[in-house]
Amino acid sequence: MTIKRKPSDARERDLQLALARIQRGRTHTGESKVTIAAVAREAGVSTALIHNHYPNIAEAIREAQGRSSRAQRDVKHQDLLAEREKNRMLRQENEELRVKIANLASINEVLIAETRVLKAKQSDPKVVDLPSGKL
């Protein structure tokens, strides 16, 4: 027994009509939300058929849902650009902080050397404390 299948253009028209019926609230199956599964049930086909053989119908369904793949791609691209800019700014700030740390480390080394010299002078018996001038 051979199964007679509908031609591709007839199947696509059925899918478009099923989508239109769901959007207008005049379904045969009682579907109310526009989804790929709902359109597949309304047209009497599988969701895989829509995904694999009718990507333009799948895109039309996503657009009807407000989730167009192009719009999603554009939003994700904008998010990526924003994150890249944040990353660039953070790298720049990180580099500035590294320069500041290097400068502070240099100042610390100078102060440590000065402290050593002053401690050595203080422990020398020839060094005498000066009066502070407070009475």
C-alpha atoms as a PDB file:
ATOM      1  CA  MET A   1       0.000   0.000   0.000  1.00  0.00           C
ATOM      2  CA  THR A   2       1.498   3.315  -1.047  1.00  0.00           C
ATOM      3  CA  ILE A   3       0.674   6.551   0.713  1.00  0.00           C
ATOM      4  CA  LYS A   4      -0.183   9.444  -1.540  1.00  0.00           C
ATOM      5  CA  ARG A   5       1.593  12.561  -0.249  1.00  0.00           C
ATOM      6  CA  LYS A   6       0.682  16.161  -0.899  1.00  0.00           C
ATOM      7  CA  PRO A   7       2.954  18.220  -3.097  1.00  0.00           C
ATOM      8  CA  SER A   8       5.252  20.631  -1.275  1.00  0.00           C
ATOM      9  CA  ASP A   9       3.474  23.770  -2.437  1.00  0.00           C
ATOM     10  CA  ALA A  10       0.082  22.400  -1.342  1.00  0.00           C
ATOM     11  CA  ARG A  11       1.504  21.456   2.065  1.00  0.00           C
ATOM     12  CA  GLU A  12       3.022  24.927   2.436  1.00  0.00           C
ATOM     13  CA  ARG A  13      -0.337  26.506   1.592  1.00  0.00           C
ATOM     14  CA  ASP A  14      -2.013  24.262   4.216  1.00  0.00           C
ATOM     15  CA  LEU A  15       0.532  25.417   6.802  1.00  0.00           C
ATOM     16  CA  GLN A  16      -0.033  29.065   5.918  1.00  0.00           C
ATOM     17  CA  LEU A  17      -3.797  28.600   6.187  1.00  0.00           C
ATOM     18  CA  ALA A  18      -3.390  26.827   9.547  1.00  0.00           C
ATOM     19  CA  LEU A  19      -1.300  29.759  10.821  1.00  0.00           C
ATOM     20  CA  ALA A  20      -3.895  32.237   9.564  1.00  0.00           C
ATOM     21  CA  ARG A  21      -6.751  30.292  11.223  1.00  0.00           C
ATOM     22  CA  ILE A  22      -4.918  30.295  14.571  1.00  0.00           C
ATOM     23  CA  GLN A  23      -4.206  34.009  14.310  1.00  0.00           C
ATOM     24  CA  ARG A  24      -7.861  34.743  13.570  1.00  0.00           C
ATOM     25  CA  GLY A  25      -9.174  32.361  16.263  1.00  0.00           C
ATOM     26  CA  ARG A  26     -10.981  30.111  13.773  1.00  0.00           C
ATOM     27  CA  THR A  27      -9.166  26.833  14.313  1.00  0.00           C
ATOM     28  CA  HIS A  28     -10.497  23.337  13.744  1.00  0.00           C
ATOM     29  CA  THR A  29      -8.477  21.926  16.658  1.00  0.00           C
ATOM     30  CA  GLY A  30      -9.196  24.596  19.272  1.00  0.00           C
ATOM     31  CA  GLU A  31      -5.662  26.023  19.251  1.00  0.00           C
ATOM     32  CA  SER A  32      -5.381  29.535  20.629  1.00  0.00           C
ATOM     33  CA  LYS A  33      -1.653  30.254  20.886  1.00  0.00           C
ATOM     34  CA  VAL A  34       0.551  30.667  17.840  1.00  0.00           C
ATOM     35  CA  THR A  35       3.288  28.056  18.162  1.00  0.00           C
ATOM     36  CA  ILE A  36       4.979  25.703  15.756  1.00  0.00           C
ATOM     37  CA  ALA A  37       3.350  22.759  17.537  1.00  0.00           C
ATOM     38  CA  ALA A  38      -0.095  24.394  17.292  1.00  0.00           C
ATOM     39  CA  VAL A  39       0.305  25.085  13.569  1.00  0.00           C
ATOM     40  CA  ALA A  40       1.511  21.512  13.046  1.00  0.00           C
ATOM     41  CA  ARG A  41      -1.521  20.096  14.870  1.00  0.00           C
ATOM     42  CA  GLU A  42      -3.857  22.409  12.972  1.00  0.00           C
ATOM     43  CA  ALA A  43      -2.359  21.344   9.627  1.00  0.00           C
ATOM     44  CA  GLY A  44      -2.104  17.671  10.621  1.00  0.00           C
ATOM     45  CA  VAL A  45       1.677  17.406  10.275  1.00  0.00           C
ATOM     46  CA  SER A  46       4.619  16.983  12.624  1.00  0.00           C
ATOM     47  CA  THR A  47       6.641  19.841  14.056  1.00  0.00           C
ATOM     48  CA  ALA A  48       9.763  18.276  12.559  1.00  0.00           C
ATOM     49  CA  LEU A  49       8.255  18.641   9.077  1.00  0.00           C
ATOM     50  CA  ILE A  50       7.862  22.379   9.636  1.00  0.00           C
ATOM     51  CA  HIS A  51      11.370  22.760  11.073  1.00  0.00           C
ATOM     52  CA  ASN A  52      13.091  20.614   8.446  1.00  0.00           C
ATOM     53  CA  HIS A  53      11.191  21.356   5.238  1.00  0.00           C
ATOM     54  CA  TYR A  54       9.407  24.676   5.722  1.00  0.00           C
ATOM     55  CA  PRO A  55      11.815  27.056   7.504  1.00  0.00           C
ATOM     56  CA  ASN A  56       9.995  30.061   6.030  1.00  0.00           C
ATOM     57  CA  ILE A  57       6.776  28.911   7.750  1.00  0.00           C
ATOM     58  CA  ALA A  58       8.706  28.397  11.001  1.00  0.00           C
ATOM     59  CA  GLU A  59      10.098  31.932  10.669  1.00  0.00           C
ATOM     60  CA  ALA A  60       6.598  33.316  10.001  1.00  0.00           C
ATOM     61  CA  ILE A  61       5.378  31.585  13.173  1.00  0.00           C
ATOM     62  CA  ARG A  62       8.268  33.055  15.178  1.00  0.00           C
ATOM     63  CA  GLU A  63       7.508  36.498  13.773  1.00  0.00           C
ATOM     64  CA  ALA A  64       3.858  36.086  14.771  1.00  0.00           C
ATOM     65  CA  GLN A  65       5.105  35.238  18.282  1.00  0.00           C
ATOM     66  CA  GLY A  66       7.343  38.296  18.218  1.00  0.00           C
ATOM     67  CA  ARG A  67      10.445  36.131  18.312  1.00  0.00           C
ATOM     68  CA  SER A  68      11.852  36.420  14.817  1.00  0.00           C
ATOM     69  CA  SER A  69      15.214  34.708  14.545  1.00  0.00           C
ATOM     70  CA  ARG A  70      16.606  37.759  12.771  1.00  0.00           C
ATOM     71  CA  ALA A  71      15.379  40.042  15.536  1.00  0.00           C
ATOM     72  CA  GLN A  72      16.801  37.673  18.149  1.00  0.00           C
ATOM     73  CA  ARG A  73      20.099  37.575  16.265  1.00  0.00           C
ATOM     74  CA  ASP A  74      20.216  41.371  16.069  1.00  0.00           C
ATOM     75  CA  VAL A  75      19.468  41.717  19.783  1.00  0.00           C
ATOM     76  CA  LYS A  76      22.168  39.184  20.643  1.00  0.00           C
ATOM     77  CA  HIS A  77      24.615  40.956  18.353  1.00  0.00           C
ATOM     78  CA  GLN A  78      23.904  44.272  20.097  1.00  0.00           C
ATOM     79  CA  ASP A  79      24.345  42.580  23.477  1.00  0.00           C
ATOM     80  CA  LEU A  80      27.645  41.119  22.281  1.00  0.00           C
ATOM     81  CA  LEU A  81      28.881  44.534  21.147  1.00  0.00           C
ATOM     82  CA  ALA A  82      27.886  46.068  24.486  1.00  0.00           C
ATOM     83  CA  GLU A  83      29.708  43.309  26.384  1.00  0.00           C
ATOM     84  CA  ARG A  84      32.791  43.737  24.212  1.00  0.00           C
ATOM     85  CA  GLU A  85      32.799  47.467  24.978  1.00  0.00           C
ATOM     86  CA  LYS A  86      32.455  46.749  28.705  1.00  0.00           C
ATOM     87  CA  ASN A  87      35.299  44.248  28.432  1.00  0.00           C
ATOM     88  CA  ARG A  88      37.474  46.821  26.659  1.00  0.00           C
ATOM     89  CA  MET A  89      36.775  49.421  29.346  1.00  0.00           C
ATOM     90  CA  LEU A  90      37.545  46.942  32.127  1.00  0.00           C
ATOM     91  CA  ARG A  91      40.816  45.933  30.469  1.00  0.00           C
ATOM     92  CA  GLN A  92      41.783  49.602  30.195  1.00  0.00           C
ATOM     93  CA  GLU A  93      40.910  50.202  33.858  1.00  0.00           C
ATOM     94  CA  ASN A  94      42.858  47.083  34.806  1.00  0.00           C
ATOM     95  CA  GLU A  95      45.935  48.379  32.982  1.00  0.00           C
ATOM     96  CA  GLU A  96      45.645  51.782  34.682  1.00  0.00           C
ATOM     97  CA  LEU A  97      45.437  50.095  38.064  1.00  0.00           C
ATOM     98  CA  ARG A  98      48.508  47.988  37.287  1.00  0.00           C
ATOM     99  CA  VAL A  99      50.468  51.165  36.522  1.00  0.00           C
ATOM    100  CA  LYS A 100      49.300  52.710  39.807  1.00  0.00           C
ATOM    101  CA  ILE A 101      50.309  49.572  41.715  1.00  0.00           C
ATOM    102  CA  ALA A 102      53.767  49.666  40.133  1.00  0.00           C
ATOM    103  CA  ASN A 103      54.154  53.333  41.138  1.00  0.00           C
ATOM    104  CA  LEU A 104      53.028  52.611  44.700  1.00  0.00           C
ATOM    105  CA  ALA A 105      55.379  49.646  44.938  1.00  0.00           C
ATOM    106  CA  SER A 106      58.239  51.903  43.895  1.00  0.00           C
ATOM    107  CA  ILE A 107      57.299  54.518  46.515  1.00  0.00           C
ATOM    108  CA  ASN A 108      57.037  51.775  49.146  1.00  0.00           C
ATOM    109  CA  GLU A 109      60.546  50.556  48.347  1.00  0.00           C
ATOM    110  CA  VAL A 110      61.908  54.088  48.751  1.00  0.00           C
ATOM    111  CA  LEU A 111      60.103  54.492  52.089  1.00  0.00           C
ATOM    112  CA  ILE A 112      61.334  51.115  53.346  1.00  0.00           C
ATOM    113  CA  ALA A 113      64.909  52.107  52.500  1.00  0.00           C
ATOM    114  CA  GLU A 114      64.458  55.450  54.296  1.00  0.00           C
ATOM    115  CA  THR A 115      63.023  53.689  57.336  1.00  0.00           C
ATOM    116  CA  ARG A 116      66.053  51.377  57.464  1.00  0.00           C
ATOM    117  CA  VAL A 117      68.405  54.356  57.357  1.00  0.00           C
ATOM    118  CA  LEU A 118      66.493  56.183  60.100  1.00  0.00           C
ATOM    119  CA  LYS A 119      66.368  53.089  62.324  1.00  0.00           C
ATOM    120  CA  ALA A 120      70.111  52.633  61.862  1.00  0.00           C
ATOM    121  CA  LYS A 121      70.730  56.261  62.815  1.00  0.00           C
ATOM    122  CA  GLN A 122      68.442  55.960  65.847  1.00  0.00           C
ATOM    123  CA  SER A 123      70.256  52.921  67.181  1.00  0.00           C
ATOM    124  CA  ASP A 124      73.624  54.701  66.793  1.00  0.00           C
ATOM    125  CA  PRO A 125      74.831  55.838  70.264  1.00  0.00           C
ATOM    126  CA  LYS A 126      76.192  59.072  68.797  1.00  0.00           C
ATOM    127  CA  VAL A 127      72.673  60.228  67.805  1.00  0.00           C
ATOM    128  CA  VAL A 128      70.971  62.404  70.417  1.00  0.00           C
ATOM    129  CA  ASP A 129      67.274  63.284  70.535  1.00  0.00           C
ATOM    130  CA  LEU A 130      66.543  66.952  70.118  1.00  0.00           C
ATOM    131  CA  PRO A 131      64.239  68.591  72.601  1.00  0.00           C
ATOM    132  CA  SER A 132      60.737  68.930  71.165  1.00  0.00           C
ATOM    133  CA  GLY A 133      60.226  72.451  72.411  1.00  0.00           C
ATOM    134  CA  LYS A 134      57.168  71.476  74.425  1.00  0.00           C
ATOM    135  CA  LEU A 135      57.381  72.444  78.090  1.00  0.00           C
END
